[in-house]
């Protein structure tokens, strides 16, 4: 008997068929005569389809923990048109570096469309995002899989805080005049960049107190004497001004402030294997920097600096919502100068509740699941768990349990792309330090790990600004 429907069964239909079969199974793990035919009629499918689901399940009633196997579809990740262009990385290495300055010139040299070349690059980023999320999965209670509690992570990131917002909304009484702001343009609004470091809040049993997770926040400013005098202050008066955040400035901030603050505020009973996660901004130092490694391993600590996936602000709790919580409190204060911005931001940092920070870490785990579900893309809505209601009832979880279908899809994607053979160490993937929007304009600065026989007119291996990229990893057999 053959059903009328020709399309593939969904995972919901497959599980429903399996449940019907399990309801009819005998203690000897067999089915009564005519079971396949009856269920095939109910679901309007072929008898062979029901039989295939039953064989996939491999029912074993003696196994109390897992009496049957997963029957989800295995089509995803193993179907579709094969990629037309093979060995993109090998072909690209044969192109002189002088012709690798833009995507357009590379595509012309490879005789392939520019959009196709960009798809290869973007697909590699998607795979890295999925693997980053999948690496946080752990077994929970032996039967479920959930994301780690992220207790060993410290997230660092920078943000501009402004004296006032470009657009403000005021609710005025009838006849009341709105405030008048005198500023040439929005480009003249004072702003200060801050570097913040946070970890997940937890109970410290040694100190018998709550660790709020707020490691610290620091501003990139300096005191300089005024060059010219004015009616407000004479020349030579020390005034606060901002500094440009270069790699050396950022490196000094990590060594002098962030790492010592982590050692000072970290819970006494916690692990000393701390992972400092940063995004891929160009001034950020690589994890292999000798000074950073020395500071991270000093005094018996085993810290590690690690890049998060590129173009992934949803992988950092500061960008997910904690910075916004600070800014909501900071903008309520009227800041006329840089000193006022610093004072208002530090006050907001102290006032923001650690409950908000814990909620951001739970939101990050939800984003992990959505990234896997969307196969590395970021075109998803941040899910809401109603954390305030759950916390009021005392039912707020510490971790988010992942859906089994999502895990299977992630495993299928990584298996189809063979990511393990292309990604050796995620922390060493310096390609992540390059933002996608700047890739085209920065290719001339890259030092490619290629064959030494490849000719190159300009190749300075000692340039500290060069970024090393693995073409097999980026344009491999995705």
Protein backbone atom coordinates (compact mmCIF):
# COMPACT_ATOMS: atom_id res chain seq x y z
CA UNK A 1 0.00 0.00 0.00
CA UNK A 2 1.46 3.35 -1.00
CA UNK A 3 0.41 6.66 0.53
CA UNK A 4 -0.71 9.70 -1.37
CA UNK A 5 1.75 12.14 0.16
CA UNK A 6 5.08 12.40 -1.60
CA UNK A 7 7.03 14.81 0.60
CA UNK A 8 9.39 13.71 3.34
CA UNK A 9 8.12 13.18 6.87
CA UNK A 10 8.88 15.81 9.47
CA UNK A 11 10.59 14.90 12.72
CA UNK A 12 7.27 15.37 14.52
CA UNK A 13 5.58 12.84 12.23
CA UNK A 14 8.45 10.40 12.64
CA UNK A 15 8.26 10.58 16.43
CA UNK A 16 4.47 10.21 16.33
CA UNK A 17 4.76 7.05 14.23
CA UNK A 18 7.36 5.68 16.63
CA UNK A 19 5.13 6.39 19.65
CA UNK A 20 2.25 4.56 18.01
CA UNK A 21 4.50 1.60 17.32
CA UNK A 22 5.86 1.56 20.87
CA UNK A 23 2.30 1.47 22.19
CA UNK A 24 1.71 -1.76 20.25
CA UNK A 25 5.01 -3.47 20.98
CA UNK A 26 4.99 -6.76 22.90
CA UNK A 27 7.30 -7.68 25.81
CA UNK A 28 9.42 -9.57 23.27
CA UNK A 29 10.08 -6.28 21.38
CA UNK A 30 7.92 -7.43 18.45
CA UNK A 31 4.83 -5.98 16.79
CA UNK A 32 1.48 -7.67 16.15
CA UNK A 33 0.59 -8.66 12.62
CA UNK A 34 -0.77 -5.78 10.52
CA UNK A 35 0.67 -2.99 12.71
CA UNK A 36 2.69 -1.42 9.89
CA UNK A 37 -0.30 -1.37 7.54
CA UNK A 38 -2.72 0.11 10.10
CA UNK A 39 -0.38 2.94 11.11
CA UNK A 40 0.49 3.64 7.46
CA UNK A 41 -3.20 4.20 6.75
CA UNK A 42 -3.58 6.55 9.72
CA UNK A 43 -0.61 8.70 8.66
CA UNK A 44 -1.27 8.41 4.92
CA UNK A 45 2.18 7.04 4.16
CA UNK A 46 3.55 3.88 2.62
CA UNK A 47 3.91 0.75 4.70
CA UNK A 48 7.62 0.68 3.90
CA UNK A 49 7.96 4.15 5.47
CA UNK A 50 6.55 2.93 8.78
CA UNK A 51 8.77 -0.12 8.60
CA UNK A 52 11.81 2.08 7.94
CA UNK A 53 11.04 4.17 11.04
CA UNK A 54 10.73 1.00 13.11
CA UNK A 55 14.05 -0.35 11.88
CA UNK A 56 15.74 3.01 12.59
CA UNK A 57 14.42 2.94 16.16
CA UNK A 58 16.10 -0.42 16.95
CA UNK A 59 13.82 -0.95 19.95
CA UNK A 60 15.42 -2.73 22.91
CA UNK A 61 13.18 -2.84 25.97
CA UNK A 62 15.98 -4.23 28.12
CA UNK A 63 17.80 -0.90 27.91
CA UNK A 64 16.07 1.13 30.63
CA UNK A 65 17.94 4.37 29.87
CA UNK A 66 17.44 4.51 26.10
CA UNK A 67 15.08 1.81 24.80
CA UNK A 68 15.15 3.12 21.22
CA UNK A 69 17.35 5.17 18.91
CA UNK A 70 16.67 8.56 17.38
CA UNK A 71 14.52 8.51 14.24
CA UNK A 72 15.02 12.13 13.17
CA UNK A 73 15.58 12.88 9.51
CA UNK A 74 19.14 12.61 8.26
CA UNK A 75 18.49 14.54 5.09
CA UNK A 76 19.56 17.92 6.48
CA UNK A 77 23.24 18.47 5.79
CA UNK A 78 23.44 15.61 3.30
CA UNK A 79 21.29 16.92 0.45
CA UNK A 80 21.34 19.72 -2.10
CA UNK A 81 23.51 20.59 -5.05
CA UNK A 82 27.20 20.01 -4.56
CA UNK A 83 29.47 23.03 -4.51
CA UNK A 84 30.57 23.85 -8.02
CA UNK A 85 34.04 25.15 -7.24
CA UNK A 86 36.41 22.68 -5.59
CA UNK A 87 39.82 23.28 -4.02
CA UNK A 88 39.26 27.01 -3.65
CA UNK A 89 42.10 27.34 -1.13
CA UNK A 90 44.61 25.52 -3.35
CA UNK A 91 43.61 27.56 -6.39
CA UNK A 92 43.86 30.78 -4.40
CA UNK A 93 47.41 29.99 -3.26
CA UNK A 94 48.48 29.86 -6.90
CA UNK A 95 47.29 33.44 -7.42
CA UNK A 96 49.98 36.09 -6.78
CA UNK A 97 49.39 38.10 -3.63
CA UNK A 98 49.36 41.28 -5.65
CA UNK A 99 46.05 40.10 -7.13
CA UNK A 100 44.49 39.27 -3.78
CA UNK A 101 43.69 42.77 -2.63
CA UNK A 102 39.90 42.61 -3.02
CA UNK A 103 37.20 40.03 -3.47
CA UNK A 104 36.67 41.28 -7.01
CA UNK A 105 40.28 40.76 -8.06
CA UNK A 106 40.44 37.33 -6.40
CA UNK A 107 37.24 36.23 -8.11
CA UNK A 108 38.56 37.39 -11.47
CA UNK A 109 41.81 35.48 -10.97
CA UNK A 110 39.92 32.32 -9.96
CA UNK A 111 37.41 32.74 -12.80
CA UNK A 112 34.43 32.50 -10.45
CA UNK A 113 31.66 34.95 -9.49
CA UNK A 114 32.47 37.38 -6.71
CA UNK A 115 29.25 36.51 -4.90
CA UNK A 116 30.18 32.83 -4.95
CA UNK A 117 33.60 33.57 -3.47
CA UNK A 118 31.96 35.62 -0.75
CA UNK A 119 29.56 32.75 -0.02
CA UNK A 120 32.51 30.45 0.61
CA UNK A 121 33.95 32.93 3.09
CA UNK A 122 30.61 33.52 4.82
CA UNK A 123 29.90 29.81 5.07
CA UNK A 124 33.17 29.33 6.91
CA UNK A 125 32.11 31.96 9.45
CA UNK A 126 28.77 30.20 9.95
CA UNK A 127 30.52 26.91 10.65
CA UNK A 128 32.78 28.59 13.23
CA UNK A 129 29.73 30.06 14.99
CA UNK A 130 28.01 26.67 15.13
CA UNK A 131 31.11 24.94 16.45
CA UNK A 132 31.55 27.64 19.10
CA UNK A 133 28.02 27.02 20.34
CA UNK A 134 28.34 23.23 20.10
CA UNK A 135 31.53 23.30 22.18
CA UNK A 136 29.50 24.62 25.13
CA UNK A 137 27.25 21.52 25.22
CA UNK A 138 27.54 19.16 28.17
CA UNK A 139 25.63 16.12 29.39
CA UNK A 140 23.11 16.92 32.14
CA UNK A 141 21.79 14.17 34.44
CA UNK A 142 22.93 11.48 32.03
CA UNK A 143 19.87 11.82 29.81
CA UNK A 144 19.76 15.45 28.70
CA UNK A 145 22.24 17.76 27.01
CA UNK A 146 22.53 21.38 28.03
CA UNK A 147 24.91 24.30 27.72
CA UNK A 148 27.64 24.86 30.28
CA UNK A 149 27.10 27.27 33.15
CA UNK A 150 29.97 29.48 31.87
CA UNK A 151 31.36 29.90 35.38
CA UNK A 152 34.95 29.89 34.10
CA UNK A 153 34.40 32.65 31.50
CA UNK A 154 35.18 36.35 31.82
CA UNK A 155 33.74 38.50 29.02
CA UNK A 156 35.52 41.75 28.16
CA UNK A 157 34.39 44.38 25.69
CA UNK A 158 34.57 48.11 24.98
CA UNK A 159 31.79 50.63 24.59
CA UNK A 160 31.42 54.34 24.00
CA UNK A 161 29.39 56.19 26.64
CA UNK A 162 28.08 59.60 25.58
CA UNK A 163 27.30 62.71 27.56
CA UNK A 164 23.81 62.75 26.06
CA UNK A 165 21.93 60.81 23.44
CA UNK A 166 21.36 62.21 19.97
CA UNK A 167 17.60 61.96 20.34
CA UNK A 168 15.71 62.28 23.62
CA UNK A 169 12.05 62.02 24.48
CA UNK A 170 10.51 64.30 27.11
CA UNK A 171 6.95 64.28 28.43
CA UNK A 172 5.98 67.90 29.00
CA UNK A 173 3.01 69.58 30.60
CA UNK A 174 0.84 71.92 28.50
CA UNK A 175 2.72 75.15 27.84
CA UNK A 176 6.05 73.78 29.07
CA UNK A 177 9.09 74.42 26.88
CA UNK A 178 11.40 71.51 25.99
CA UNK A 179 15.05 71.74 27.13
CA UNK A 180 17.34 73.59 24.76
CA UNK A 181 20.60 71.92 23.84
CA UNK A 182 23.42 73.99 22.34
CA UNK A 183 25.70 71.79 20.26
CA UNK A 184 27.00 72.26 16.74
CA UNK A 185 26.17 68.69 15.74
CA UNK A 186 26.03 65.20 17.14
CA UNK A 187 29.73 64.82 16.33
CA UNK A 188 30.55 67.31 19.11
CA UNK A 189 28.86 65.32 21.89
CA UNK A 190 31.45 64.26 24.45
CA UNK A 191 32.09 60.54 24.71
CA UNK A 192 34.40 58.21 26.62
CA UNK A 193 35.33 54.61 25.83
CA UNK A 194 35.15 52.09 28.67
CA UNK A 195 36.50 48.56 28.93
CA UNK A 196 34.40 46.28 31.13
CA UNK A 197 34.94 42.75 32.39
CA UNK A 198 32.19 40.54 33.84
CA UNK A 199 31.74 36.95 34.97
CA UNK A 200 28.70 34.99 36.03
CA UNK A 201 27.43 35.79 39.55
CA UNK A 202 27.63 32.95 42.08
CA UNK A 203 27.87 32.18 45.78
CA UNK A 204 31.37 32.25 47.28
CA UNK A 205 31.40 29.63 50.06
CA UNK A 206 34.84 30.65 51.32
CA UNK A 207 34.00 34.33 51.79
CA UNK A 208 30.39 33.45 52.66
CA UNK A 209 29.05 36.14 50.34
CA UNK A 210 27.70 36.63 46.83
CA UNK A 211 30.14 37.31 44.03
CA UNK A 212 28.28 39.85 41.87
CA UNK A 213 30.27 39.02 38.72
CA UNK A 214 31.32 42.62 38.07
CA UNK A 215 35.10 42.41 37.71
CA UNK A 216 35.49 46.08 36.86
CA UNK A 217 35.15 48.85 34.31
CA UNK A 218 37.94 51.19 33.21
CA UNK A 219 37.96 54.30 31.04
CA UNK A 220 40.53 55.20 28.39
CA UNK A 221 41.39 58.72 29.54
CA UNK A 222 44.44 60.67 30.62
CA UNK A 223 45.27 63.97 32.33
CA UNK A 224 47.01 66.60 30.18
CA UNK A 225 47.68 70.31 30.81
CA UNK A 226 45.52 72.77 28.92
CA UNK A 227 47.43 74.31 26.02
CA UNK A 228 45.48 77.57 25.93
CA UNK A 229 43.73 79.53 28.59
CA UNK A 230 40.07 80.49 28.62
CA UNK A 231 37.59 82.21 30.88
CA UNK A 232 36.87 78.82 32.46
CA UNK A 233 40.47 77.86 33.36
CA UNK A 234 44.00 79.20 32.83
CA UNK A 235 46.57 77.56 30.59
CA UNK A 236 48.37 74.64 32.19
CA UNK A 237 45.37 73.42 34.16
CA UNK A 238 45.18 69.63 34.16
CA UNK A 239 42.14 68.42 32.27
CA UNK A 240 40.81 64.99 31.34
CA UNK A 241 40.91 63.90 27.72
CA UNK A 242 40.35 60.64 25.88
CA UNK A 243 43.11 58.52 24.36
CA UNK A 244 43.13 56.51 21.17
CA UNK A 245 42.74 52.80 21.88
CA UNK A 246 45.61 51.13 20.05
CA UNK A 247 46.92 47.62 20.52
CA UNK A 248 49.55 48.80 22.99
CA UNK A 249 46.98 50.75 25.01
CA UNK A 250 44.58 47.81 25.09
CA UNK A 251 47.39 45.42 26.02
CA UNK A 252 48.46 47.65 28.90
CA UNK A 253 44.85 47.84 30.11
CA UNK A 254 44.62 44.05 30.21
CA UNK A 255 47.93 43.56 32.01
CA UNK A 256 47.63 46.46 34.47
CA UNK A 257 43.90 46.39 35.27
CA UNK A 258 41.80 43.51 33.94
CA UNK A 259 43.96 40.50 34.83
CA UNK A 260 44.88 41.77 38.34
CA UNK A 261 41.20 42.55 39.01
CA UNK A 262 40.21 39.00 38.02
CA UNK A 263 42.78 37.55 40.42
CA UNK A 264 41.64 39.86 43.21
CA UNK A 265 37.85 39.42 42.87
CA UNK A 266 37.60 35.82 41.67
CA UNK A 267 35.76 33.52 44.13
CA UNK A 268 38.21 31.78 46.44
CA UNK A 269 36.84 28.30 45.87
CA UNK A 270 36.58 28.70 42.10
CA UNK A 271 38.81 27.30 39.42
CA UNK A 272 41.94 29.15 38.37
CA UNK A 273 41.52 28.04 34.76
CA UNK A 274 39.81 31.22 33.58
CA UNK A 275 38.96 31.99 29.94
CA UNK A 276 39.01 35.68 29.02
CA UNK A 277 36.76 36.10 25.98
CA UNK A 278 37.16 39.12 23.70
CA UNK A 279 35.76 40.10 20.33
CA UNK A 280 37.75 40.59 17.13
CA UNK A 281 38.39 44.33 17.14
CA UNK A 282 41.65 45.21 15.41
CA UNK A 283 43.42 46.62 18.53
CA UNK A 284 42.85 43.39 20.47
CA UNK A 285 45.97 41.40 21.20
CA UNK A 286 46.24 37.77 20.03
CA UNK A 287 46.13 34.97 22.62
CA UNK A 288 49.73 34.03 21.80
CA UNK A 289 51.19 37.37 22.95
CA UNK A 290 54.07 36.59 25.30
CA UNK A 291 53.35 39.41 27.76
CA UNK A 292 49.69 38.43 28.00
CA UNK A 293 50.55 34.76 28.48
CA UNK A 294 53.03 35.64 31.23
CA UNK A 295 50.46 37.77 33.06
CA UNK A 296 47.79 35.08 32.73
CA UNK A 297 49.99 32.31 34.15
CA UNK A 298 51.57 34.32 36.95
CA UNK A 299 51.01 33.31 40.61
CA UNK A 300 49.75 29.84 39.75
CA UNK A 301 46.85 30.97 37.53
CA UNK A 302 45.95 29.28 34.24
CA UNK A 303 44.12 32.03 32.39
CA UNK A 304 43.63 31.97 28.65
CA UNK A 305 42.76 34.77 26.25
CA UNK A 306 40.37 33.65 23.54
CA UNK A 307 38.69 35.26 20.52
CA UNK A 308 34.96 34.80 20.07
CA UNK A 309 33.57 34.07 16.58
CA UNK A 310 33.71 36.97 14.08
CA UNK A 311 30.74 39.26 13.59
CA UNK A 312 29.11 37.75 16.68
CA UNK A 313 28.07 40.35 19.26
CA UNK A 314 25.40 37.85 20.33
CA UNK A 315 28.17 35.68 21.77
CA UNK A 316 29.13 38.24 24.45
CA UNK A 317 26.95 39.03 27.47
CA UNK A 318 28.07 42.67 27.50
CA UNK A 319 26.73 43.26 24.00
CA UNK A 320 23.66 41.13 24.67
CA UNK A 321 22.25 43.46 27.28
CA UNK A 322 24.51 44.38 30.18
CA UNK A 323 25.95 47.45 28.45
CA UNK A 324 22.41 48.56 27.66
CA UNK A 325 21.43 48.22 31.31
CA UNK A 326 24.37 50.42 32.31
CA UNK A 327 23.60 52.99 29.63
CA UNK A 328 19.95 53.21 30.73
CA UNK A 329 21.16 54.36 34.16
CA UNK A 330 24.03 56.48 32.85
CA UNK A 331 21.96 58.69 30.52
CA UNK A 332 19.68 59.76 33.37
CA UNK A 333 22.54 61.91 34.70
CA UNK A 334 23.37 65.20 33.01
CA UNK A 335 27.01 65.05 31.89
CA UNK A 336 28.62 68.25 30.66
CA UNK A 337 32.18 67.04 30.32
CA UNK A 338 34.36 63.97 30.27
CA UNK A 339 34.70 63.87 34.06
CA UNK A 340 30.90 63.89 34.40
CA UNK A 341 30.58 61.00 31.93
CA UNK A 342 33.16 58.96 33.86
CA UNK A 343 31.44 59.63 37.17
CA UNK A 344 27.97 58.84 35.80
CA UNK A 345 29.13 55.62 34.15
CA UNK A 346 30.95 54.37 37.25
CA UNK A 347 27.88 55.15 39.34
CA UNK A 348 25.66 53.22 36.92
CA UNK A 349 28.13 50.33 37.03
CA UNK A 350 27.72 50.12 40.80
CA UNK A 351 23.93 50.47 40.68
CA UNK A 352 23.15 47.82 38.06
CA UNK A 353 21.90 44.64 39.69
CA UNK A 354 23.80 41.36 39.45
CA UNK A 355 20.47 39.68 38.68
CA UNK A 356 20.57 41.43 35.31
CA UNK A 357 24.03 40.01 34.66
CA UNK A 358 22.90 36.48 35.50
CA UNK A 359 19.92 36.90 33.16
CA UNK A 360 22.29 37.95 30.37
CA UNK A 361 24.26 34.72 30.79
CA UNK A 362 21.05 32.70 30.48
CA UNK A 363 20.15 34.70 27.38
CA UNK A 364 23.58 33.85 25.95
CA UNK A 365 22.82 30.15 26.35
CA UNK A 366 19.52 30.65 24.52
CA UNK A 367 21.44 32.39 21.73
CA UNK A 368 23.75 29.37 21.50
CA UNK A 369 20.75 27.19 20.75
CA UNK A 370 19.35 29.62 18.17
CA UNK A 371 22.71 29.87 16.40
CA UNK A 372 22.79 26.09 16.03
CA UNK A 373 19.16 26.06 14.90
CA UNK A 374 19.85 28.72 12.23
CA UNK A 375 23.05 26.94 11.08
CA UNK A 376 25.31 29.78 12.19
CA UNK A 377 23.23 32.66 10.89
CA UNK A 378 22.15 35.55 13.11
CA UNK A 379 18.72 36.15 11.58
CA UNK A 380 16.86 35.06 14.69
CA UNK A 381 14.99 36.82 17.46
CA UNK A 382 16.56 36.60 20.89
CA UNK A 383 14.32 34.17 22.80
CA UNK A 384 12.65 35.22 26.04
CA UNK A 385 12.44 32.83 28.99
CA UNK A 386 10.35 35.09 31.26
CA UNK A 387 13.26 35.02 33.68
CA UNK A 388 11.68 37.51 36.10
CA UNK A 389 8.61 35.30 36.56
CA UNK A 390 10.71 32.17 36.93
CA UNK A 391 12.97 33.85 39.49
CA UNK A 392 9.96 35.03 41.50
CA UNK A 393 8.75 31.42 41.69
CA UNK A 394 12.22 30.12 42.52
CA UNK A 395 12.36 28.10 39.30
CA UNK A 396 15.01 30.01 37.35
CA UNK A 397 17.39 27.39 35.90
CA UNK A 398 21.16 27.65 35.99
CA UNK A 399 21.56 26.29 32.48
CA UNK A 400 19.45 25.96 29.35
CA UNK A 401 18.69 22.43 28.18
CA UNK A 402 19.13 22.09 24.41
CA UNK A 403 16.52 20.54 22.14
CA UNK A 404 17.56 17.17 20.76
CA UNK A 405 16.54 18.13 17.22
CA UNK A 406 18.76 21.22 17.41
CA UNK A 407 21.71 19.13 18.56
CA UNK A 408 21.19 16.64 15.74
CA UNK A 409 21.07 19.47 13.20
CA UNK A 410 24.29 20.92 14.57
CA UNK A 411 26.05 17.57 14.47
CA UNK A 412 24.83 17.00 10.92
CA UNK A 413 26.15 20.40 9.82
CA UNK A 414 29.56 19.89 11.39
CA UNK A 415 29.75 16.38 9.98
CA UNK A 416 28.85 17.60 6.50
CA UNK A 417 31.50 20.31 6.57
CA UNK A 418 34.13 18.17 8.33
CA UNK A 419 34.96 21.10 10.58
CA UNK A 420 37.24 19.09 12.85
CA UNK A 421 39.77 18.61 10.08
CA UNK A 422 39.80 22.31 9.22
CA UNK A 423 39.76 23.89 12.69
CA UNK A 424 42.64 22.77 14.93
CA UNK A 425 42.50 25.38 17.66
CA UNK A 426 39.80 28.04 17.75
CA UNK A 427 42.00 30.36 19.78
CA UNK A 428 44.65 30.31 17.04
CA UNK A 429 42.25 31.25 14.27
CA UNK A 430 43.47 34.78 13.78
CA UNK A 431 41.10 35.10 10.87
CA UNK A 432 38.50 35.78 13.51
CA UNK A 433 40.32 39.01 14.29
CA UNK A 434 39.20 40.40 10.95
CA UNK A 435 35.74 41.93 10.68
CA UNK A 436 33.84 40.85 7.58
CA UNK A 437 33.18 44.43 6.49
CA UNK A 438 36.91 45.22 6.52
CA UNK A 439 38.12 42.00 4.91
CA UNK A 440 38.28 43.37 1.38
CA UNK A 441 40.28 46.45 2.32
CA UNK A 442 42.69 44.55 4.58
CA UNK A 443 43.69 41.58 2.42
CA UNK A 444 46.91 43.30 1.41
CA UNK A 445 48.04 43.17 5.06
CA UNK A 446 47.54 39.43 5.43
CA UNK A 447 50.40 36.97 5.67
CA UNK A 448 49.09 33.71 4.26
CA UNK A 449 50.36 30.37 5.50
CA UNK A 450 51.09 29.08 2.03
CA UNK A 451 53.83 27.22 0.18
CA UNK A 452 57.22 28.98 0.50
CA UNK A 453 57.72 28.59 -3.26
CA UNK A 454 54.93 31.08 -3.96
CA UNK A 455 56.46 34.32 -5.23
CA UNK A 456 55.67 37.55 -3.47
CA UNK A 457 57.13 40.96 -4.01
CA UNK A 458 56.17 42.27 -0.59
CA UNK A 459 56.34 39.93 2.41
CA UNK A 460 57.33 41.32 5.78
CA UNK A 461 57.07 38.53 8.36
CA UNK A 462 58.16 40.83 11.16
CA UNK A 463 55.28 43.27 10.84
CA UNK A 464 53.26 43.04 14.11
CA UNK A 465 50.12 44.26 12.35
CA UNK A 466 50.05 41.32 9.93
CA UNK A 467 47.30 38.78 10.50
CA UNK A 468 47.83 35.15 9.58
CA UNK A 469 44.98 33.27 7.93
CA UNK A 470 44.57 29.64 6.92
CA UNK A 471 43.06 29.42 3.44
CA UNK A 472 42.29 25.71 3.78
CA UNK A 473 40.26 26.56 6.83
CA UNK A 474 38.44 29.54 5.33
CA UNK A 475 37.85 28.48 1.72
CA UNK A 476 38.07 24.72 2.24
CA UNK A 477 35.67 22.05 1.10
CA UNK A 478 32.66 23.69 2.72
